[in-house]
Amino acid sequence: MYHLPKGLFEDLLRPIKNGFFITTLIMICVLVFIMLKRSKYPYLWIIIHFVLLSLSGYIFFDALNPKLNTETPQSIVYYEIHMRFIITGIIWIMSLICLLVGIRRIPK
């Protein structure tokens, strides 16, 4: 059986995770403020980008420090973390596509 050490990465990941989400929240607020003054359409795509980026960040940080049962076999833990990384990558790619569409639609 695979035993996950309790709190191995908690102290290390907490400031990184908090900084990631606080920065993303600040960027969304700035974009909403800009959106109120200009055309809304391009900035909606960029806000969708940041929402998807936050979701992928949440899944990524959750995969780094999973809360799984200690009775779970190591192969299942490996597969679970592997699937979380795949889902994170797919969501991240979708967020980049939204960012590119938003940048492309910003008027010159």
PDB file of N, CA and C in Angstrom:
ATOM      1  N   MET A   1       0.837  -1.189   0.000  1.00  0.00           N
ATOM      2  CA  MET A   1       0.000   0.000   0.000  1.00  0.00           C
ATOM      3  C   MET A   1       0.885   1.257   0.000  1.00  0.00           C
ATOM      4  N   TYR A   2       0.371   2.282  -0.618  1.00  0.00           N
ATOM      5  CA  TYR A   2       1.092   3.545  -0.717  1.00  0.00           C
ATOM      6  C   TYR A   2       0.598   4.473   0.378  1.00  0.00           C
ATOM      7  N   HIS A   3       1.511   5.002   1.141  1.00  0.00           N
ATOM      8  CA  HIS A   3       1.135   5.900   2.226  1.00  0.00           C
ATOM      9  C   HIS A   3       1.581   7.313   1.875  1.00  0.00           C
ATOM     10  N   LEU A   4       0.614   8.218   1.758  1.00  0.00           N
ATOM     11  CA  LEU A   4       0.925   9.617   1.488  1.00  0.00           C
ATOM     12  C   LEU A   4       1.324  10.314   2.784  1.00  0.00           C
ATOM     13  N   PRO A   5       2.501  10.950   2.811  1.00  0.00           N
ATOM     14  CA  PRO A   5       2.886  11.669   4.025  1.00  0.00           C
ATOM     15  C   PRO A   5       1.939  12.842   4.267  1.00  0.00           C
ATOM     16  N   LYS A   6       1.546  13.017   5.496  1.00  0.00           N
ATOM     17  CA  LYS A   6       0.619  14.095   5.849  1.00  0.00           C
ATOM     18  C   LYS A   6       1.327  15.438   5.791  1.00  0.00           C
ATOM     19  N   GLY A   7       0.790  16.351   4.986  1.00  0.00           N
ATOM     20  CA  GLY A   7       1.280  17.722   4.945  1.00  0.00           C
ATOM     21  C   GLY A   7       2.673  17.885   4.392  1.00  0.00           C
ATOM     22  N   LEU A   8       3.101  16.978   3.516  1.00  0.00           N
ATOM     23  CA  LEU A   8       4.454  17.057   2.979  1.00  0.00           C
ATOM     24  C   LEU A   8       4.675  18.352   2.199  1.00  0.00           C
ATOM     25  N   PHE A   9       3.713  18.717   1.358  1.00  0.00           N
ATOM     26  CA  PHE A   9       3.852  19.901   0.522  1.00  0.00           C
ATOM     27  C   PHE A   9       2.968  21.057   0.974  1.00  0.00           C
ATOM     28  N   GLU A  10       2.206  20.889   2.026  1.00  0.00           N
ATOM     29  CA  GLU A  10       1.248  21.919   2.446  1.00  0.00           C
ATOM     30  C   GLU A  10       1.917  23.269   2.672  1.00  0.00           C
ATOM     31  N   ASP A  11       2.987  23.290   3.464  1.00  0.00           N
ATOM     32  CA  ASP A  11       3.646  24.563   3.777  1.00  0.00           C
ATOM     33  C   ASP A  11       4.299  25.180   2.553  1.00  0.00           C
ATOM     34  N   LEU A  12       4.752  24.363   1.626  1.00  0.00           N
ATOM     35  CA  LEU A  12       5.388  24.868   0.421  1.00  0.00           C
ATOM     36  C   LEU A  12       4.357  25.351  -0.595  1.00  0.00           C
ATOM     37  N   LEU A  13       3.277  24.613  -0.755  1.00  0.00           N
ATOM     38  CA  LEU A  13       2.307  24.926  -1.797  1.00  0.00           C
ATOM     39  C   LEU A  13       1.313  26.010  -1.413  1.00  0.00           C
ATOM     40  N   ARG A  14       1.060  26.198  -0.142  1.00  0.00           N
ATOM     41  CA  ARG A  14       0.045  27.173   0.274  1.00  0.00           C
ATOM     42  C   ARG A  14       0.329  28.577  -0.236  1.00  0.00           C
ATOM     43  N   PRO A  15       1.550  29.152  -0.063  1.00  0.00           N
ATOM     44  CA  PRO A  15       1.781  30.505  -0.588  1.00  0.00           C
ATOM     45  C   PRO A  15       1.763  30.561  -2.124  1.00  0.00           C
ATOM     46  N   ILE A  16       2.240  29.503  -2.777  1.00  0.00           N
ATOM     47  CA  ILE A  16       2.221  29.476  -4.239  1.00  0.00           C
ATOM     48  C   ILE A  16       0.787  29.431  -4.738  1.00  0.00           C
ATOM     49  N   LYS A  17      -0.021  28.581  -4.132  1.00  0.00           N
ATOM     50  CA  LYS A  17      -1.429  28.453  -4.517  1.00  0.00           C
ATOM     51  C   LYS A  17      -2.188  29.748  -4.252  1.00  0.00           C
ATOM     52  N   ASN A  18      -1.992  30.331  -3.086  1.00  0.00           N
ATOM     53  CA  ASN A  18      -2.673  31.591  -2.757  1.00  0.00           C
ATOM     54  C   ASN A  18      -2.258  32.710  -3.703  1.00  0.00           C
ATOM     55  N   GLY A  19      -0.973  32.805  -4.008  1.00  0.00           N
ATOM     56  CA  GLY A  19      -0.496  33.832  -4.927  1.00  0.00           C
ATOM     57  C   GLY A  19      -1.072  33.654  -6.322  1.00  0.00           C
ATOM     58  N   PHE A  20      -1.174  32.420  -6.773  1.00  0.00           N
ATOM     59  CA  PHE A  20      -1.747  32.136  -8.088  1.00  0.00           C
ATOM     60  C   PHE A  20      -3.192  32.602  -8.165  1.00  0.00           C
ATOM     61  N   PHE A  21      -3.987  32.248  -7.162  1.00  0.00           N
ATOM     62  CA  PHE A  21      -5.402  32.585  -7.203  1.00  0.00           C
ATOM     63  C   PHE A  21      -5.660  34.070  -6.931  1.00  0.00           C
ATOM     64  N   ILE A  22      -4.878  34.699  -6.073  1.00  0.00           N
ATOM     65  CA  ILE A  22      -5.038  36.133  -5.810  1.00  0.00           C
ATOM     66  C   ILE A  22      -4.685  36.935  -7.066  1.00  0.00           C
ATOM     67  N   THR A  23      -3.587  36.572  -7.734  1.00  0.00           N
ATOM     68  CA  THR A  23      -3.194  37.262  -8.961  1.00  0.00           C
ATOM     69  C   THR A  23      -4.255  37.092 -10.047  1.00  0.00           C
ATOM     70  N   THR A  24      -4.795  35.893 -10.174  1.00  0.00           N
ATOM     71  CA  THR A  24      -5.835  35.655 -11.169  1.00  0.00           C
ATOM     72  C   THR A  24      -7.080  36.469 -10.856  1.00  0.00           C
ATOM     73  N   LEU A  25      -7.460  36.538  -9.600  1.00  0.00           N
ATOM     74  CA  LEU A  25      -8.632  37.320  -9.197  1.00  0.00           C
ATOM     75  C   LEU A  25      -8.420  38.811  -9.478  1.00  0.00           C
ATOM     76  N   ILE A  26      -7.222  39.322  -9.208  1.00  0.00           N
ATOM     77  CA  ILE A  26      -6.918  40.727  -9.494  1.00  0.00           C
ATOM     78  C   ILE A  26      -7.014  40.995 -10.998  1.00  0.00           C
ATOM     79  N   MET A  27      -6.504  40.074 -11.816  1.00  0.00           N
ATOM     80  CA  MET A  27      -6.563  40.258 -13.273  1.00  0.00           C
ATOM     81  C   MET A  27      -8.004  40.238 -13.778  1.00  0.00           C
ATOM     82  N   ILE A  28      -8.837  39.392 -13.209  1.00  0.00           N
ATOM     83  CA  ILE A  28     -10.250  39.366 -13.607  1.00  0.00           C
ATOM     84  C   ILE A  28     -10.915  40.687 -13.236  1.00  0.00           C
ATOM     85  N   CYS A  29     -10.622  41.222 -12.057  1.00  0.00           N
ATOM     86  CA  CYS A  29     -11.209  42.505 -11.641  1.00  0.00           C
ATOM     87  C   CYS A  29     -10.757  43.642 -12.562  1.00  0.00           C
ATOM     88  N   VAL A  30      -9.480  43.655 -12.926  1.00  0.00           N
ATOM     89  CA  VAL A  30      -8.979  44.682 -13.835  1.00  0.00           C
ATOM     90  C   VAL A  30      -9.672  44.578 -15.192  1.00  0.00           C
ATOM     91  N   LEU A  31      -9.845  43.372 -15.680  1.00  0.00           N
ATOM     92  CA  LEU A  31     -10.508  43.191 -16.975  1.00  0.00           C
ATOM     93  C   LEU A  31     -11.978  43.598 -16.926  1.00  0.00           C
ATOM     94  N   VAL A  32     -12.648  43.321 -15.821  1.00  0.00           N
ATOM     95  CA  VAL A  32     -14.044  43.762 -15.686  1.00  0.00           C
ATOM     96  C   VAL A  32     -14.101  45.285 -15.691  1.00  0.00           C
ATOM     97  N   PHE A  33     -13.166  45.946 -15.016  1.00  0.00           N
ATOM     98  CA  PHE A  33     -13.117  47.402 -15.006  1.00  0.00           C
ATOM     99  C   PHE A  33     -12.881  47.952 -16.413  1.00  0.00           C
ATOM    100  N   ILE A  34     -11.958  47.347 -17.156  1.00  0.00           N
ATOM    101  CA  ILE A  34     -11.700  47.765 -18.537  1.00  0.00           C
ATOM    102  C   ILE A  34     -12.923  47.497 -19.408  1.00  0.00           C
ATOM    103  N   MET A  35     -13.587  46.388 -19.149  1.00  0.00           N
ATOM    104  CA  MET A  35     -14.751  45.998 -19.939  1.00  0.00           C
ATOM    105  C   MET A  35     -15.891  47.001 -19.797  1.00  0.00           C
ATOM    106  N   LEU A  36     -15.987  47.632 -18.647  1.00  0.00           N
ATOM    107  CA  LEU A  36     -17.047  48.609 -18.432  1.00  0.00           C
ATOM    108  C   LEU A  36     -16.837  49.866 -19.273  1.00  0.00           C
ATOM    109  N   LYS A  37     -15.585  50.158 -19.635  1.00  0.00           N
ATOM    110  CA  LYS A  37     -15.274  51.370 -20.383  1.00  0.00           C
ATOM    111  C   LYS A  37     -15.211  51.152 -21.891  1.00  0.00           C
ATOM    112  N   ARG A  38     -14.986  49.930 -22.326  1.00  0.00           N
ATOM    113  CA  ARG A  38     -14.781  49.662 -23.750  1.00  0.00           C
ATOM    114  C   ARG A  38     -15.741  48.578 -24.226  1.00  0.00           C
ATOM    115  N   SER A  39     -15.475  48.098 -25.416  1.00  0.00           N
ATOM    116  CA  SER A  39     -16.271  47.005 -25.984  1.00  0.00           C
ATOM    117  C   SER A  39     -16.125  45.761 -25.117  1.00  0.00           C
ATOM    118  N   LYS A  40     -17.227  45.131 -24.817  1.00  0.00           N
ATOM    119  CA  LYS A  40     -17.217  44.001 -23.893  1.00  0.00           C
ATOM    120  C   LYS A  40     -16.771  42.688 -24.531  1.00  0.00           C
ATOM    121  N   TYR A  41     -17.013  42.515 -25.809  1.00  0.00           N
ATOM    122  CA  TYR A  41     -16.833  41.221 -26.458  1.00  0.00           C
ATOM    123  C   TYR A  41     -15.416  40.641 -26.326  1.00  0.00           C
ATOM    124  N   PRO A  42     -14.344  41.374 -26.668  1.00  0.00           N
ATOM    125  CA  PRO A  42     -13.020  40.753 -26.578  1.00  0.00           C
ATOM    126  C   PRO A  42     -12.613  40.425 -25.150  1.00  0.00           C
ATOM    127  N   TYR A  43     -13.021  41.254 -24.219  1.00  0.00           N
ATOM    128  CA  TYR A  43     -12.595  41.050 -22.835  1.00  0.00           C
ATOM    129  C   TYR A  43     -13.328  39.888 -22.179  1.00  0.00           C
ATOM    130  N   LEU A  44     -14.490  39.537 -22.678  1.00  0.00           N
ATOM    131  CA  LEU A  44     -15.191  38.349 -22.177  1.00  0.00           C
ATOM    132  C   LEU A  44     -14.366  37.096 -22.448  1.00  0.00           C
ATOM    133  N   TRP A  45     -13.752  37.020 -23.624  1.00  0.00           N
ATOM    134  CA  TRP A  45     -12.906  35.879 -23.945  1.00  0.00           C
ATOM    135  C   TRP A  45     -11.714  35.800 -22.992  1.00  0.00           C
ATOM    136  N   ILE A  46     -11.150  36.937 -22.654  1.00  0.00           N
ATOM    137  CA  ILE A  46      -9.990  36.944 -21.761  1.00  0.00           C
ATOM    138  C   ILE A  46     -10.417  36.582 -20.336  1.00  0.00           C
ATOM    139  N   ILE A  47     -11.601  37.009 -19.912  1.00  0.00           N
ATOM    140  CA  ILE A  47     -12.098  36.619 -18.596  1.00  0.00           C
ATOM    141  C   ILE A  47     -12.350  35.110 -18.564  1.00  0.00           C
ATOM    142  N   ILE A  48     -12.913  34.568 -19.637  1.00  0.00           N
ATOM    143  CA  ILE A  48     -13.101  33.110 -19.708  1.00  0.00           C
ATOM    144  C   ILE A  48     -11.752  32.405 -19.609  1.00  0.00           C
ATOM    145  N   HIS A  49     -10.728  32.992 -20.234  1.00  0.00           N
ATOM    146  CA  HIS A  49      -9.375  32.435 -20.133  1.00  0.00           C
ATOM    147  C   HIS A  49      -8.938  32.344 -18.675  1.00  0.00           C
ATOM    148  N   PHE A  50      -9.112  33.434 -17.915  1.00  0.00           N
ATOM    149  CA  PHE A  50      -8.671  33.422 -16.522  1.00  0.00           C
ATOM    150  C   PHE A  50      -9.502  32.482 -15.653  1.00  0.00           C
ATOM    151  N   VAL A  51     -10.777  32.339 -15.953  1.00  0.00           N
ATOM    152  CA  VAL A  51     -11.607  31.395 -15.197  1.00  0.00           C
ATOM    153  C   VAL A  51     -11.129  29.963 -15.457  1.00  0.00           C
ATOM    154  N   LEU A  52     -10.891  29.629 -16.727  1.00  0.00           N
ATOM    155  CA  LEU A  52     -10.394  28.286 -17.054  1.00  0.00           C
ATOM    156  C   LEU A  52      -8.986  28.065 -16.489  1.00  0.00           C
ATOM    157  N   LEU A  53      -8.169  29.107 -16.509  1.00  0.00           N
ATOM    158  CA  LEU A  53      -6.833  29.004 -15.926  1.00  0.00           C
ATOM    159  C   LEU A  53      -6.913  28.732 -14.425  1.00  0.00           C
ATOM    160  N   SER A  54      -7.852  29.384 -13.738  1.00  0.00           N
ATOM    161  CA  SER A  54      -8.033  29.136 -12.309  1.00  0.00           C
ATOM    162  C   SER A  54      -8.485  27.706 -12.049  1.00  0.00           C
ATOM    163  N   LEU A  55      -9.389  27.218 -12.889  1.00  0.00           N
ATOM    164  CA  LEU A  55      -9.854  25.840 -12.739  1.00  0.00           C
ATOM    165  C   LEU A  55      -8.714  24.853 -12.954  1.00  0.00           C
ATOM    166  N   SER A  56      -7.906  25.077 -13.978  1.00  0.00           N
ATOM    167  CA  SER A  56      -6.774  24.176 -14.215  1.00  0.00           C
ATOM    168  C   SER A  56      -5.747  24.280 -13.087  1.00  0.00           C
ATOM    169  N   GLY A  57      -5.557  25.484 -12.545  1.00  0.00           N
ATOM    170  CA  GLY A  57      -4.643  25.639 -11.407  1.00  0.00           C
ATOM    171  C   GLY A  57      -5.134  24.908 -10.177  1.00  0.00           C
ATOM    172  N   TYR A  58      -6.445  24.960  -9.939  1.00  0.00           N
ATOM    173  CA  TYR A  58      -7.016  24.241  -8.798  1.00  0.00           C
ATOM    174  C   TYR A  58      -6.799  22.734  -8.936  1.00  0.00           C
ATOM    175  N   ILE A  59      -7.078  22.196 -10.129  1.00  0.00           N
ATOM    176  CA  ILE A  59      -6.898  20.759 -10.337  1.00  0.00           C
ATOM    177  C   ILE A  59      -5.418  20.386 -10.250  1.00  0.00           C
ATOM    178  N   PHE A  60      -4.547  21.246 -10.771  1.00  0.00           N
ATOM    179  CA  PHE A  60      -3.109  20.982 -10.715  1.00  0.00           C
ATOM    180  C   PHE A  60      -2.607  20.931  -9.270  1.00  0.00           C
ATOM    181  N   PHE A  61      -2.955  21.945  -8.475  1.00  0.00           N
ATOM    182  CA  PHE A  61      -2.486  21.964  -7.091  1.00  0.00           C
ATOM    183  C   PHE A  61      -3.122  20.842  -6.275  1.00  0.00           C
ATOM    184  N   ASP A  62      -4.343  20.469  -6.616  1.00  0.00           N
ATOM    185  CA  ASP A  62      -4.988  19.349  -5.940  1.00  0.00           C
ATOM    186  C   ASP A  62      -4.287  18.035  -6.295  1.00  0.00           C
ATOM    187  N   ALA A  63      -3.785  17.918  -7.520  1.00  0.00           N
ATOM    188  CA  ALA A  63      -3.080  16.699  -7.929  1.00  0.00           C
ATOM    189  C   ALA A  63      -1.713  16.590  -7.250  1.00  0.00           C
ATOM    190  N   LEU A  64      -1.097  17.733  -6.943  1.00  0.00           N
ATOM    191  CA  LEU A  64       0.210  17.692  -6.280  1.00  0.00           C
ATOM    192  C   LEU A  64       0.114  17.210  -4.839  1.00  0.00           C
ATOM    193  N   ASN A  65      -1.011  17.449  -4.205  1.00  0.00           N
ATOM    194  CA  ASN A  65      -1.182  17.045  -2.817  1.00  0.00           C
ATOM    195  C   ASN A  65      -2.568  16.412  -2.651  1.00  0.00           C
ATOM    196  N   PRO A  66      -2.749  15.221  -3.220  1.00  0.00           N
ATOM    197  CA  PRO A  66      -4.095  14.623  -3.207  1.00  0.00           C
ATOM    198  C   PRO A  66      -4.506  14.169  -1.815  1.00  0.00           C
ATOM    199  N   LYS A  67      -5.788  14.225  -1.582  1.00  0.00           N
ATOM    200  CA  LYS A  67      -6.345  13.736  -0.318  1.00  0.00           C
ATOM    201  C   LYS A  67      -7.003  12.394  -0.621  1.00  0.00           C
ATOM    202  N   LEU A  68      -6.195  11.366  -0.712  1.00  0.00           N
ATOM    203  CA  LEU A  68      -6.676  10.036  -1.021  1.00  0.00           C
ATOM    204  C   LEU A  68      -6.570   9.157   0.211  1.00  0.00           C
ATOM    205  N   ASN A  69      -7.326   8.110   0.213  1.00  0.00           N
ATOM    206  CA  ASN A  69      -7.302   7.152   1.302  1.00  0.00           C
ATOM    207  C   ASN A  69      -5.936   6.472   1.355  1.00  0.00           C
ATOM    208  N   THR A  70      -5.384   6.273   2.541  1.00  0.00           N
ATOM    209  CA  THR A  70      -4.066   5.644   2.658  1.00  0.00           C
ATOM    210  C   THR A  70      -4.125   4.160   2.313  1.00  0.00           C
ATOM    211  N   GLU A  71      -5.306   3.596   2.243  1.00  0.00           N
ATOM    212  CA  GLU A  71      -5.456   2.191   1.880  1.00  0.00           C
ATOM    213  C   GLU A  71      -5.438   1.984   0.367  1.00  0.00           C
ATOM    214  N   THR A  72      -5.439   3.060  -0.408  1.00  0.00           N
ATOM    215  CA  THR A  72      -5.490   2.972  -1.863  1.00  0.00           C
ATOM    216  C   THR A  72      -4.155   2.454  -2.396  1.00  0.00           C
ATOM    217  N   PRO A  73      -4.197   1.470  -3.305  1.00  0.00           N
ATOM    218  CA  PRO A  73      -2.941   0.963  -3.884  1.00  0.00           C
ATOM    219  C   PRO A  73      -2.220   2.051  -4.681  1.00  0.00           C
ATOM    220  N   GLN A  74      -0.893   1.920  -4.750  1.00  0.00           N
ATOM    221  CA  GLN A  74      -0.075   2.934  -5.405  1.00  0.00           C
ATOM    222  C   GLN A  74      -0.423   3.081  -6.885  1.00  0.00           C
ATOM    223  N   SER A  75      -0.783   2.005  -7.561  1.00  0.00           N
ATOM    224  CA  SER A  75      -1.109   2.095  -8.986  1.00  0.00           C
ATOM    225  C   SER A  75      -2.352   2.945  -9.216  1.00  0.00           C
ATOM    226  N   ILE A  76      -3.317   2.866  -8.316  1.00  0.00           N
ATOM    227  CA  ILE A  76      -4.530   3.676  -8.448  1.00  0.00           C
ATOM    228  C   ILE A  76      -4.216   5.140  -8.147  1.00  0.00           C
ATOM    229  N   VAL A  77      -3.371   5.390  -7.164  1.00  0.00           N
ATOM    230  CA  VAL A  77      -2.964   6.760  -6.848  1.00  0.00           C
ATOM    231  C   VAL A  77      -2.232   7.367  -8.043  1.00  0.00           C
ATOM    232  N   TYR A  78      -1.325   6.597  -8.642  1.00  0.00           N
ATOM    233  CA  TYR A  78      -0.597   7.074  -9.820  1.00  0.00           C
ATOM    234  C   TYR A  78      -1.555   7.386 -10.950  1.00  0.00           C
ATOM    235  N   TYR A  79      -2.510   6.498 -11.214  1.00  0.00           N
ATOM    236  CA  TYR A  79      -3.472   6.705 -12.292  1.00  0.00           C
ATOM    237  C   TYR A  79      -4.336   7.936 -12.019  1.00  0.00           C
ATOM    238  N   GLU A  80      -4.765   8.119 -10.778  1.00  0.00           N
ATOM    239  CA  GLU A  80      -5.594   9.275 -10.409  1.00  0.00           C
ATOM    240  C   GLU A  80      -4.843  10.581 -10.650  1.00  0.00           C
ATOM    241  N   ILE A  81      -3.599  10.652 -10.213  1.00  0.00           N
ATOM    242  CA  ILE A  81      -2.792  11.858 -10.402  1.00  0.00           C
ATOM    243  C   ILE A  81      -2.521  12.082 -11.891  1.00  0.00           C
ATOM    244  N   HIS A  82      -2.251  11.008 -12.619  1.00  0.00           N
ATOM    245  CA  HIS A  82      -2.021  11.099 -14.062  1.00  0.00           C
ATOM    246  C   HIS A  82      -3.254  11.668 -14.772  1.00  0.00           C
ATOM    247  N   MET A  83      -4.430  11.196 -14.432  1.00  0.00           N
ATOM    248  CA  MET A  83      -5.661  11.690 -15.044  1.00  0.00           C
ATOM    249  C   MET A  83      -5.900  13.164 -14.699  1.00  0.00           C
ATOM    250  N   ARG A  84      -5.583  13.550 -13.473  1.00  0.00           N
ATOM    251  CA  ARG A  84      -5.740  14.959 -13.088  1.00  0.00           C
ATOM    252  C   ARG A  84      -4.821  15.859 -13.906  1.00  0.00           C
ATOM    253  N   PHE A  85      -3.598  15.400 -14.159  1.00  0.00           N
ATOM    254  CA  PHE A  85      -2.680  16.188 -14.986  1.00  0.00           C
ATOM    255  C   PHE A  85      -3.175  16.286 -16.429  1.00  0.00           C
ATOM    256  N   ILE A  86      -3.748  15.217 -16.952  1.00  0.00           N
ATOM    257  CA  ILE A  86      -4.302  15.261 -18.311  1.00  0.00           C
ATOM    258  C   ILE A  86      -5.459  16.250 -18.380  1.00  0.00           C
ATOM    259  N   ILE A  87      -6.356  16.209 -17.404  1.00  0.00           N
ATOM    260  CA  ILE A  87      -7.491  17.142 -17.372  1.00  0.00           C
ATOM    261  C   ILE A  87      -6.996  18.576 -17.230  1.00  0.00           C
ATOM    262  N   THR A  88      -5.989  18.778 -16.388  1.00  0.00           N
ATOM    263  CA  THR A  88      -5.400  20.113 -16.228  1.00  0.00           C
ATOM    264  C   THR A  88      -4.848  20.625 -17.555  1.00  0.00           C
ATOM    265  N   GLY A  89      -4.141  19.780 -18.281  1.00  0.00           N
ATOM    266  CA  GLY A  89      -3.576  20.186 -19.570  1.00  0.00           C
ATOM    267  C   GLY A  89      -4.644  20.547 -20.588  1.00  0.00           C
ATOM    268  N   ILE A  90      -5.712  19.775 -20.639  1.00  0.00           N
ATOM    269  CA  ILE A  90      -6.790  20.055 -21.592  1.00  0.00           C
ATOM    270  C   ILE A  90      -7.463  21.387 -21.266  1.00  0.00           C
ATOM    271  N   ILE A  91      -7.750  21.621 -19.990  1.00  0.00           N
ATOM    272  CA  ILE A  91      -8.389  22.879 -19.588  1.00  0.00           C
ATOM    273  C   ILE A  91      -7.442  24.055 -19.843  1.00  0.00           C
ATOM    274  N   TRP A  92      -6.158  23.866 -19.599  1.00  0.00           N
ATOM    275  CA  TRP A  92      -5.183  24.926 -19.836  1.00  0.00           C
ATOM    276  C   TRP A  92      -5.114  25.283 -21.319  1.00  0.00           C
ATOM    277  N   ILE A  93      -5.129  24.270 -22.192  1.00  0.00           N
ATOM    278  CA  ILE A  93      -5.122  24.528 -23.636  1.00  0.00           C
ATOM    279  C   ILE A  93      -6.376  25.290 -24.042  1.00  0.00           C
ATOM    280  N   MET A  94      -7.531  24.916 -23.494  1.00  0.00           N
ATOM    281  CA  MET A  94      -8.768  25.640 -23.789  1.00  0.00           C
ATOM    282  C   MET A  94      -8.656  27.095 -23.338  1.00  0.00           C
ATOM    283  N   SER A  95      -8.020  27.330 -22.189  1.00  0.00           N
ATOM    284  CA  SER A  95      -7.869  28.707 -21.710  1.00  0.00           C
ATOM    285  C   SER A  95      -6.955  29.508 -22.634  1.00  0.00           C
ATOM    286  N   LEU A  96      -5.916  28.887 -23.161  1.00  0.00           N
ATOM    287  CA  LEU A  96      -5.034  29.591 -24.089  1.00  0.00           C
ATOM    288  C   LEU A  96      -5.745  29.926 -25.389  1.00  0.00           C
ATOM    289  N   ILE A  97      -6.607  29.047 -25.861  1.00  0.00           N
ATOM    290  CA  ILE A  97      -7.386  29.340 -27.067  1.00  0.00           C
ATOM    291  C   ILE A  97      -8.286  30.547 -26.820  1.00  0.00           C
ATOM    292  N   CYS A  98      -8.938  30.589 -25.647  1.00  0.00           N
ATOM    293  CA  CYS A  98      -9.789  31.748 -25.313  1.00  0.00           C
ATOM    294  C   CYS A  98      -8.962  33.028 -25.240  1.00  0.00           C
ATOM    295  N   LEU A  99      -7.754  32.948 -24.698  1.00  0.00           N
ATOM    296  CA  LEU A  99      -6.883  34.119 -24.625  1.00  0.00           C
ATOM    297  C   LEU A  99      -6.515  34.608 -26.025  1.00  0.00           C
ATOM    298  N   LEU A 100      -6.164  33.700 -26.903  1.00  0.00           N
ATOM    299  CA  LEU A 100      -5.804  34.094 -28.266  1.00  0.00           C
ATOM    300  C   LEU A 100      -6.989  34.706 -29.013  1.00  0.00           C
ATOM    301  N   VAL A 101      -8.177  34.136 -28.839  1.00  0.00           N
ATOM    302  CA  VAL A 101      -9.372  34.710 -29.480  1.00  0.00           C
ATOM    303  C   VAL A 101      -9.614  36.104 -28.933  1.00  0.00           C
ATOM    304  N   GLY A 102      -9.489  36.287 -27.611  1.00  0.00           N
ATOM    305  CA  GLY A 102      -9.714  37.596 -27.006  1.00  0.00           C
ATOM    306  C   GLY A 102      -8.717  38.635 -27.481  1.00  0.00           C
ATOM    307  N   ILE A 103      -7.443  38.249 -27.559  1.00  0.00           N
ATOM    308  CA  ILE A 103      -6.418  39.182 -28.032  1.00  0.00           C
ATOM    309  C   ILE A 103      -6.674  39.549 -29.486  1.00  0.00           C
ATOM    310  N   ARG A 104      -7.057  38.583 -30.270  1.00  0.00           N
ATOM    311  CA  ARG A 104      -7.300  38.821 -31.690  1.00  0.00           C
ATOM    312  C   ARG A 104      -8.487  39.776 -31.908  1.00  0.00           C
ATOM    313  N   ARG A 105      -9.453  39.761 -31.019  1.00  0.00           N
ATOM    314  CA  ARG A 105     -10.662  40.563 -31.183  1.00  0.00           C
ATOM    315  C   ARG A 105     -10.553  41.977 -30.585  1.00  0.00           C
ATOM    316  N   ILE A 106      -9.463  42.269 -29.886  1.00  0.00           N
ATOM    317  CA  ILE A 106      -9.285  43.606 -29.320  1.00  0.00           C
ATOM    318  C   ILE A 106      -9.101  44.599 -30.475  1.00  0.00           C
ATOM    319  N   PRO A 107      -9.892  45.665 -30.491  1.00  0.00           N
ATOM    320  CA  PRO A 107      -9.751  46.638 -31.593  1.00  0.00           C
ATOM    321  C   PRO A 107      -8.417  47.368 -31.518  1.00  0.00           C
ATOM    322  N   LYS A 108      -7.921  47.705 -32.697  1.00  0.00           N
ATOM    323  CA  LYS A 108      -6.605  48.381 -32.760  1.00  0.00           C
ATOM    324  C   LYS A 108      -6.747  49.876 -32.703  1.00  0.00           C
TER     325      LYS A 108
END
